[in-house]
Amino acid sequence: MDQIPPGTDLSKVPLGVNPSGAPPNFVNPPTLVHSVQAIGVVLAIISLFLVCVRLGVYRTISRGILLDDASIIIAFVFAITYTVIVSTLDKASHHAWDTPMSLFDDADYLKKLFVTSLIYGPMLFFAKTSILLLYHRAFHPKKWLRFGVYITIAILFGSYFMTVPMAFYWCMPHNAPWNMAVLGTCNMMATPGLVQGSINIAADITIFLLPLPVIMRLQIPTSKKIALSAIFATGLLALVASILTMYYRVLIIRGVDSSWAGAQTYICIQAEIYAAICVACMPSMARVWKIKYKETKFYASIQSLLHTMRGTTSKGTQKSEQSTTAISSPRRHSHSSIDSLTAYEKEPDEESKVGGSMEDLRVSEEDSEVQHRGGSGIFRTLEVDVTSEKGPTRTDAPRAF
């Protein structure tokens, strides 16, 4: 700015120099605004559907709105606000050499930039906190996990809300007009933004790893452990988005095509926030699958048809299945969804007592079956559901018989 002579028409001065040497294109330059809008709208619709499913499940089981529910609703409102704002920043979604410097003297643009800086931290805090609170309810008996949740929430609160007073102090004028001078002070948030981004990546890793020790030690088949872990593994998408957001932030600070990198940051931030919302709603989807589809006659008929087709592929397989059926209990069901995990009864241990409310892991004996497994004796098969309903205060450990 110091090199621009006074009185220069900033609408004709590009923010950067085109590496190819071509003149700036202020008429119809390449833009990322359509990508920002498309990704935001699509992810917002998916997230809205999942949030409605989650709240609908709670209404079905007559359970009130809890703290994690309120957190996910607040996060979604912030996310929609963020999407609406960044979708209107079309003039800031071009390459730097196609962006006039007059944009940074536009009061409307500066106000939108201020709002996005203000809500970014709280938006991510409530989204990630809803997942942590879900863990707290699901695995409440695990003392170490409760402490892990408390510590993580405290760190996230300090990290995400520290930028709120900074935005008020540095990114809005005080007794002055909204002009380019605001950007000079708002750049002071670059370093805190990098610190926040680093903690954001660490938080996503923590959220993914935190429940795994409990899940891996549950007395359920390995395939079912993987299926249960996959419910929370959706958060890896948020982790990838966090890393990309950090990368583009560095490009902005270094001045490498900053306006284009800014638009890419908008895309990644939207992916990150909506992915976090989806993770918090995934257990509810498992519950809906069980209630709406798995227990229907149509699903049962499809399962029966597939079972019959498999049984007729070879006579040897058919005889083996008939032999197994003869020594098994007459009451036999086919279970293959993520929300139903099968566990053989063993002596109870501490890890089998994970309970509370899951959105919790709930051991249900109403669909139990007795099976004979070779020469190892008789086992009772229990169904472990990932549900959204309020569970008992404790889960009775299975007893061998």
Protein backbone atom coordinates (compact mmCIF):
# COMPACT_ATOMS: atom_id res chain seq x y z
CA MET A 1 0.00 0.00 0.00
CA ASP A 2 2.89 2.39 0.72
CA GLN A 3 3.99 2.05 -2.92
CA ILE A 4 0.59 3.10 -4.31
CA PRO A 5 0.47 6.83 -5.05
CA PRO A 6 -2.32 8.79 -3.36
CA GLY A 7 -5.41 9.19 -5.49
CA THR A 8 -4.84 5.93 -7.41
CA ASP A 9 -8.00 4.17 -8.55
CA LEU A 10 -7.79 0.93 -6.53
CA SER A 11 -10.42 -0.72 -8.70
CA LYS A 12 -7.79 -0.92 -11.44
CA VAL A 13 -4.92 -2.18 -9.27
CA PRO A 14 -4.67 -5.98 -8.87
CA LEU A 15 -3.91 -7.54 -5.53
CA GLY A 16 -1.05 -9.56 -7.06
CA VAL A 17 0.96 -10.06 -10.21
CA ASN A 18 0.01 -12.80 -12.66
CA PRO A 19 2.90 -15.30 -12.89
CA SER A 20 2.24 -15.66 -16.61
CA GLY A 21 2.61 -11.92 -17.14
CA ALA A 22 -0.93 -11.60 -18.48
CA PRO A 23 -2.91 -8.48 -17.55
CA PRO A 24 -5.57 -8.69 -14.81
CA ASN A 25 -9.05 -9.87 -15.71
CA PHE A 26 -11.61 -7.91 -13.72
CA VAL A 27 -14.54 -8.75 -16.01
CA ASN A 28 -15.05 -12.54 -15.98
CA PRO A 29 -12.09 -14.10 -14.17
CA PRO A 30 -11.89 -17.72 -12.97
CA THR A 31 -13.68 -18.10 -9.66
CA LEU A 32 -14.15 -20.63 -6.87
CA VAL A 33 -17.38 -19.14 -5.59
CA HIS A 34 -19.49 -21.79 -7.33
CA SER A 35 -17.47 -24.55 -5.63
CA VAL A 36 -17.84 -22.78 -2.29
CA GLN A 37 -21.59 -22.52 -2.79
CA ALA A 38 -22.10 -26.05 -4.12
CA ILE A 39 -20.10 -27.77 -1.37
CA GLY A 40 -21.73 -25.63 1.30
CA VAL A 41 -25.28 -26.28 0.10
CA VAL A 42 -24.82 -30.03 -0.43
CA LEU A 43 -23.14 -30.58 2.94
CA ALA A 44 -25.68 -28.35 4.69
CA ILE A 45 -28.57 -30.41 3.27
CA ILE A 46 -26.93 -33.68 4.33
CA SER A 47 -26.22 -32.32 7.80
CA LEU A 48 -29.75 -30.95 8.15
CA PHE A 49 -31.14 -34.38 7.28
CA LEU A 50 -28.93 -36.09 9.87
CA VAL A 51 -29.73 -33.53 12.56
CA CYS A 52 -33.46 -33.99 11.90
CA VAL A 53 -33.02 -37.77 12.07
CA ARG A 54 -31.19 -37.43 15.37
CA LEU A 55 -33.87 -35.22 16.90
CA GLY A 56 -36.59 -37.42 15.41
CA VAL A 57 -35.14 -40.50 17.08
CA TYR A 58 -35.14 -38.70 20.42
CA ARG A 59 -38.74 -37.69 19.91
CA THR A 60 -39.64 -41.32 19.14
CA ILE A 61 -38.14 -42.53 22.40
CA SER A 62 -39.60 -39.57 24.34
CA ARG A 63 -36.23 -38.32 25.44
CA GLY A 64 -35.61 -34.64 26.03
CA ILE A 65 -32.93 -32.45 24.50
CA LEU A 66 -29.63 -32.97 26.31
CA LEU A 67 -26.45 -30.91 26.34
CA ASP A 68 -24.89 -32.64 23.34
CA ASP A 69 -28.12 -32.14 21.37
CA ALA A 70 -28.10 -28.42 22.13
CA SER A 71 -24.44 -28.24 21.10
CA ILE A 72 -25.09 -29.83 17.72
CA ILE A 73 -28.05 -27.50 17.07
CA ILE A 74 -25.96 -24.42 17.90
CA ALA A 75 -23.11 -25.70 15.72
CA PHE A 76 -25.49 -26.24 12.80
CA VAL A 77 -26.93 -22.72 13.10
CA PHE A 78 -23.40 -21.28 13.09
CA ALA A 79 -22.48 -23.49 10.12
CA ILE A 80 -25.47 -22.31 8.08
CA THR A 81 -24.58 -18.70 8.90
CA TYR A 82 -20.99 -19.28 7.80
CA THR A 83 -22.11 -20.93 4.54
CA VAL A 84 -24.47 -18.08 3.70
CA ILE A 85 -21.76 -15.47 4.27
CA VAL A 86 -18.91 -17.14 2.36
CA SER A 87 -21.28 -17.98 -0.51
CA THR A 88 -21.74 -14.26 -1.10
CA LEU A 89 -18.01 -13.46 -1.21
CA ASP A 90 -17.85 -13.90 -4.97
CA LYS A 91 -15.51 -10.93 -5.48
CA ALA A 92 -13.02 -12.48 -3.04
CA SER A 93 -12.96 -15.88 -4.76
CA HIS A 94 -10.74 -14.96 -7.72
CA HIS A 95 -7.00 -15.24 -8.19
CA ALA A 96 -5.07 -12.41 -6.54
CA TRP A 97 -4.07 -10.99 -9.94
CA ASP A 98 -7.74 -10.85 -10.94
CA THR A 99 -8.89 -9.21 -7.68
CA PRO A 100 -8.87 -5.40 -7.46
CA MET A 101 -7.50 -3.85 -4.29
CA SER A 102 -10.70 -1.83 -3.97
CA LEU A 103 -12.30 -4.99 -2.55
CA PHE A 104 -10.42 -4.45 0.70
CA ASP A 105 -11.88 -0.96 0.95
CA ASP A 106 -15.43 -2.30 0.67
CA ALA A 107 -17.25 -1.95 4.00
CA ASP A 108 -19.67 -4.77 3.17
CA TYR A 109 -16.82 -7.22 2.51
CA LEU A 110 -14.97 -6.20 5.68
CA LYS A 111 -18.09 -6.70 7.81
CA LYS A 112 -18.63 -10.19 6.38
CA LEU A 113 -14.98 -11.01 7.03
CA PHE A 114 -15.41 -9.86 10.62
CA VAL A 115 -18.47 -12.09 11.18
CA THR A 116 -16.71 -15.17 9.78
CA SER A 117 -13.73 -14.51 12.04
CA LEU A 118 -16.09 -14.10 14.99
CA ILE A 119 -18.15 -17.29 14.60
CA TYR A 120 -15.44 -19.64 13.30
CA GLY A 121 -14.14 -20.66 16.74
CA PRO A 122 -17.49 -21.13 18.52
CA MET A 123 -18.86 -22.98 15.48
CA LEU A 124 -16.14 -25.63 15.64
CA PHE A 125 -16.22 -25.74 19.45
CA PHE A 126 -19.89 -26.70 19.65
CA ALA A 127 -19.58 -29.25 16.82
CA LYS A 128 -16.63 -31.08 18.38
CA THR A 129 -17.99 -30.74 21.91
CA SER A 130 -21.20 -32.51 20.87
CA ILE A 131 -19.11 -35.55 19.86
CA LEU A 132 -17.16 -35.47 23.13
CA LEU A 133 -20.36 -35.23 25.16
CA LEU A 134 -21.70 -38.20 23.23
CA TYR A 135 -18.60 -40.15 24.30
CA HIS A 136 -19.19 -39.03 27.87
CA ARG A 137 -22.71 -40.46 27.90
CA ALA A 138 -21.81 -43.59 25.98
CA PHE A 139 -18.74 -44.59 27.99
CA HIS A 140 -19.52 -42.89 31.29
CA PRO A 141 -18.28 -45.77 33.52
CA LYS A 142 -14.75 -45.35 32.14
CA LYS A 143 -13.12 -42.86 34.49
CA TRP A 144 -10.07 -42.21 32.31
CA LEU A 145 -12.27 -41.48 29.31
CA ARG A 146 -14.40 -39.03 31.29
CA PHE A 147 -11.28 -37.13 32.32
CA GLY A 148 -10.06 -37.21 28.72
CA VAL A 149 -13.35 -35.66 27.59
CA TYR A 150 -13.19 -32.95 30.28
CA ILE A 151 -9.60 -32.02 29.45
CA THR A 152 -10.24 -31.96 25.70
CA ILE A 153 -13.32 -29.76 26.08
CA ALA A 154 -11.39 -27.34 28.31
CA ILE A 155 -8.55 -27.07 25.78
CA LEU A 156 -11.00 -26.59 22.91
CA PHE A 157 -12.88 -23.89 24.80
CA GLY A 158 -9.70 -21.91 25.41
CA SER A 159 -8.49 -22.39 21.85
CA TYR A 160 -11.70 -21.62 19.97
CA PHE A 161 -13.03 -18.79 22.10
CA MET A 162 -9.73 -16.92 22.42
CA THR A 163 -10.28 -15.48 18.93
CA VAL A 164 -13.67 -13.94 19.84
CA PRO A 165 -12.31 -10.98 21.85
CA MET A 166 -9.42 -10.71 19.38
CA ALA A 167 -11.88 -10.32 16.51
CA PHE A 168 -13.70 -7.54 18.35
CA TYR A 169 -10.43 -5.79 19.17
CA TRP A 170 -8.48 -6.21 15.91
CA CYS A 171 -11.03 -6.89 13.14
CA MET A 172 -13.54 -4.10 13.66
CA PRO A 173 -12.96 -0.35 13.66
CA HIS A 174 -13.29 1.64 16.87
CA ASN A 175 -14.67 5.11 16.25
CA ALA A 176 -13.48 4.79 12.65
CA PRO A 177 -15.00 3.80 9.29
CA TRP A 178 -14.88 0.31 7.79
CA ASN A 179 -12.00 0.67 5.36
CA MET A 180 -8.70 -0.92 4.36
CA ALA A 181 -7.08 0.11 7.64
CA VAL A 182 -9.09 -2.62 9.39
CA LEU A 183 -7.16 -5.31 7.51
CA GLY A 184 -3.88 -3.96 8.83
CA THR A 185 -4.89 -4.67 12.42
CA CYS A 186 -6.86 -7.83 11.61
CA ASN A 187 -3.66 -9.40 10.30
CA MET A 188 -2.59 -9.60 13.95
CA MET A 189 -4.82 -12.69 14.19
CA ALA A 190 -2.57 -14.66 11.84
CA THR A 191 -0.42 -16.22 14.57
CA PRO A 192 -3.34 -17.07 16.91
CA GLY A 193 -5.05 -18.56 13.87
CA LEU A 194 -2.13 -20.92 13.25
CA VAL A 195 -2.13 -21.95 16.92
CA GLN A 196 -5.86 -22.56 16.72
CA GLY A 197 -5.42 -24.58 13.54
CA SER A 198 -2.76 -26.79 15.15
CA ILE A 199 -4.98 -27.46 18.17
CA ASN A 200 -7.83 -28.15 15.77
CA ILE A 201 -5.86 -30.93 14.06
CA ALA A 202 -4.83 -32.39 17.42
CA ALA A 203 -8.47 -32.30 18.56
CA ASP A 204 -9.66 -34.23 15.51
CA ILE A 205 -7.02 -36.91 16.13
CA THR A 206 -8.02 -37.10 19.80
CA ILE A 207 -11.73 -37.37 18.99
CA PHE A 208 -11.02 -40.26 16.64
CA LEU A 209 -8.69 -42.15 19.01
CA LEU A 210 -10.47 -41.54 22.33
CA PRO A 211 -13.15 -44.29 22.12
CA LEU A 212 -11.00 -46.87 20.34
CA PRO A 213 -9.43 -48.48 23.47
CA VAL A 214 -12.90 -49.13 24.90
CA ILE A 215 -14.29 -50.43 21.61
CA MET A 216 -11.32 -52.71 20.97
CA ARG A 217 -11.68 -54.36 24.40
CA LEU A 218 -15.39 -55.08 24.07
CA GLN A 219 -16.26 -58.79 23.93
CA ILE A 220 -17.47 -58.72 20.36
CA PRO A 221 -16.10 -60.14 17.09
CA THR A 222 -13.35 -58.15 15.38
CA SER A 223 -15.55 -57.44 12.37
CA LYS A 224 -18.13 -55.87 14.64
CA LYS A 225 -15.49 -53.77 16.38
CA ILE A 226 -14.43 -52.45 13.00
CA ALA A 227 -18.05 -51.68 12.15
CA LEU A 228 -18.56 -49.80 15.40
CA SER A 229 -15.29 -47.90 14.93
CA ALA A 230 -16.42 -46.94 11.43
CA ILE A 231 -19.29 -44.97 12.95
CA PHE A 232 -16.81 -42.60 14.56
CA ALA A 233 -14.22 -42.86 11.76
CA THR A 234 -16.30 -40.38 9.78
CA GLY A 235 -14.35 -37.84 11.80
CA LEU A 236 -11.29 -38.61 9.68
CA LEU A 237 -12.90 -36.50 6.98
CA ALA A 238 -12.89 -33.58 9.40
CA LEU A 239 -9.22 -34.28 10.14
CA VAL A 240 -8.30 -34.12 6.44
CA ALA A 241 -10.26 -30.87 6.09
CA SER A 242 -8.47 -29.42 9.15
CA ILE A 243 -5.07 -30.21 7.66
CA LEU A 244 -6.01 -28.62 4.34
CA THR A 245 -7.38 -25.56 6.13
CA MET A 246 -4.06 -25.19 7.93
CA TYR A 247 -2.17 -25.50 4.64
CA TYR A 248 -4.20 -22.79 2.91
CA ARG A 249 -3.91 -20.51 5.94
CA VAL A 250 -0.14 -20.67 5.60
CA LEU A 251 -0.45 -19.75 1.92
CA ILE A 252 -2.59 -16.74 2.85
CA ILE A 253 -0.06 -15.55 5.42
CA ARG A 254 2.77 -15.93 2.91
CA GLY A 255 0.80 -14.00 0.33
CA VAL A 256 0.72 -16.84 -2.20
CA ASP A 257 -2.40 -16.05 -4.25
CA SER A 258 -4.12 -15.13 -0.99
CA SER A 259 -7.64 -14.53 -2.35
CA TRP A 260 -7.72 -17.90 -4.16
CA ALA A 261 -6.31 -19.66 -1.09
CA GLY A 262 -8.95 -17.88 1.00
CA ALA A 263 -11.73 -19.37 -1.13
CA GLN A 264 -10.14 -22.81 -0.79
CA THR A 265 -10.11 -22.25 2.97
CA TYR A 266 -13.86 -21.56 2.91
CA ILE A 267 -14.40 -24.92 1.19
CA CYS A 268 -12.29 -26.82 3.72
CA ILE A 269 -13.84 -25.12 6.74
CA GLN A 270 -17.32 -26.03 5.54
CA ALA A 271 -16.25 -29.63 4.98
CA GLU A 272 -14.75 -29.72 8.47
CA ILE A 273 -17.73 -28.34 10.33
CA TYR A 274 -20.35 -30.39 8.50
CA ALA A 275 -18.26 -33.57 8.87
CA ALA A 276 -18.15 -32.99 12.63
CA ILE A 277 -21.93 -32.56 12.69
CA CYS A 278 -22.38 -35.78 10.73
CA VAL A 279 -20.14 -37.71 13.14
CA ALA A 280 -22.29 -36.60 16.07
CA CYS A 281 -25.42 -37.86 14.28
CA MET A 282 -24.14 -41.22 12.98
CA PRO A 283 -25.27 -43.33 15.99
CA SER A 284 -28.81 -42.05 15.41
CA MET A 285 -28.66 -43.27 11.82
CA ALA A 286 -27.74 -46.71 13.11
CA ARG A 287 -30.79 -46.62 15.34
CA VAL A 288 -33.04 -45.62 12.42
CA TRP A 289 -31.63 -48.48 10.33
CA LYS A 290 -32.59 -50.93 13.04
CA ILE A 291 -36.08 -49.52 13.67
CA LYS A 292 -37.17 -48.55 10.16
CA TYR A 293 -35.52 -51.16 7.97
CA LYS A 294 -33.84 -54.05 9.71
CA GLU A 295 -36.91 -55.16 11.67
CA THR A 296 -39.31 -54.88 8.72
CA LYS A 297 -40.82 -57.87 6.92
CA PHE A 298 -39.29 -56.67 3.65
CA TYR A 299 -35.78 -56.79 5.11
CA ALA A 300 -36.48 -60.21 6.62
CA SER A 301 -37.73 -61.53 3.27
CA ILE A 302 -34.62 -60.25 1.49
CA GLN A 303 -32.41 -61.88 4.10
CA SER A 304 -34.33 -65.14 3.74
CA LEU A 305 -34.01 -65.01 -0.05
CA LEU A 306 -30.27 -64.39 0.11
CA HIS A 307 -29.90 -67.18 2.64
CA THR A 308 -31.78 -69.57 0.34
CA MET A 309 -29.67 -68.57 -2.66
CA ARG A 310 -26.47 -69.16 -0.71
CA GLY A 311 -27.79 -72.49 0.50
CA THR A 312 -28.38 -73.78 -3.02
CA THR A 313 -24.94 -72.90 -4.40
CA SER A 314 -23.51 -76.23 -3.34
CA LYS A 315 -24.89 -79.38 -1.73
CA GLY A 316 -22.04 -79.51 0.74
CA THR A 317 -22.75 -76.01 2.00
CA GLN A 318 -26.47 -76.80 2.19
CA LYS A 319 -25.87 -79.92 4.28
CA SER A 320 -23.56 -78.00 6.59
CA GLU A 321 -26.18 -75.33 7.16
CA GLN A 322 -28.88 -77.93 7.81
CA SER A 323 -26.63 -79.66 10.34
CA THR A 324 -26.00 -76.39 12.14
CA THR A 325 -29.71 -75.58 12.16
CA ALA A 326 -30.55 -78.96 13.68
CA ILE A 327 -28.45 -78.35 16.79
CA SER A 328 -29.22 -74.66 17.12
CA SER A 329 -32.11 -72.98 18.86
CA PRO A 330 -35.26 -72.68 16.73
CA ARG A 331 -35.17 -68.97 17.27
CA ARG A 332 -32.50 -67.76 14.86
CA HIS A 333 -32.08 -64.39 13.23
CA SER A 334 -29.74 -62.92 10.65
CA HIS A 335 -27.98 -59.75 11.71
CA SER A 336 -25.66 -57.77 9.49
CA SER A 337 -25.97 -54.06 10.20
CA ILE A 338 -23.56 -51.73 11.91
CA ASP A 339 -25.94 -50.99 14.76
CA SER A 340 -26.17 -54.68 15.76
CA LEU A 341 -22.99 -56.20 17.09
CA THR A 342 -22.87 -59.85 18.18
CA ALA A 343 -21.00 -60.90 21.30
CA TYR A 344 -20.53 -64.34 22.82
CA GLU A 345 -21.04 -64.53 26.55
CA LYS A 346 -17.88 -64.72 28.57
CA GLU A 347 -16.94 -64.06 32.15
CA PRO A 348 -17.71 -60.38 32.87
CA ASP A 349 -14.85 -57.97 33.02
CA GLU A 350 -14.59 -54.23 33.38
CA GLU A 351 -14.58 -53.59 29.65
CA SER A 352 -17.90 -55.38 29.14
CA LYS A 353 -19.65 -52.94 31.47
CA VAL A 354 -19.52 -49.97 29.16
CA GLY A 355 -22.96 -48.51 29.35
CA GLY A 356 -25.05 -45.58 30.39
CA SER A 357 -26.75 -44.20 27.36
CA MET A 358 -25.57 -44.23 23.78
CA GLU A 359 -26.25 -42.75 22.09
CA ASP A 360 -24.82 -45.68 23.79
CA LEU A 361 -23.60 -49.21 23.53
CA ARG A 362 -26.51 -51.18 24.92
CA VAL A 363 -26.55 -54.93 25.37
CA SER A 364 -30.00 -56.27 24.56
CA GLU A 365 -31.02 -59.83 25.36
CA GLU A 366 -34.44 -59.73 23.72
CA ASP A 367 -32.93 -60.89 20.44
CA SER A 368 -30.55 -63.37 22.02
CA GLU A 369 -30.11 -66.83 20.59
CA VAL A 370 -28.52 -70.03 21.71
CA GLN A 371 -26.03 -71.58 19.36
CA HIS A 372 -23.76 -74.58 19.39
CA ARG A 373 -20.22 -73.81 18.28
CA GLY A 374 -18.44 -76.99 17.34
CA GLY A 375 -17.04 -78.63 20.41
CA SER A 376 -16.74 -75.48 22.50
CA GLY A 377 -20.09 -75.79 24.22
CA ILE A 378 -23.19 -73.65 24.08
CA PHE A 379 -23.04 -69.88 23.91
CA ARG A 380 -25.65 -67.19 24.10
CA THR A 381 -25.43 -64.58 21.39
CA LEU A 382 -26.17 -61.06 22.55
CA GLU A 383 -26.93 -58.08 20.37
CA VAL A 384 -25.11 -54.86 21.17
CA ASP A 385 -26.95 -51.86 19.74
CA VAL A 386 -25.70 -48.39 19.02
CA THR A 387 -28.84 -46.46 19.85
CA SER A 388 -29.92 -42.98 20.68
CA GLU A 389 -32.20 -43.85 23.55
CA LYS A 390 -31.55 -43.40 27.23
CA GLY A 391 -30.12 -46.61 28.54
CA PRO A 392 -29.99 -48.08 32.02
CA THR A 393 -27.60 -46.71 34.56
CA ARG A 394 -25.51 -49.83 34.19
CA THR A 395 -25.25 -52.78 31.84
CA ASP A 396 -25.37 -56.18 33.48
CA ALA A 397 -22.39 -58.24 32.45
CA PRO A 398 -23.27 -61.44 30.56
CA ARG A 399 -23.14 -64.67 32.47
CA ALA A 400 -22.06 -68.02 31.00
CA PHE A 401 -24.41 -70.93 31.34
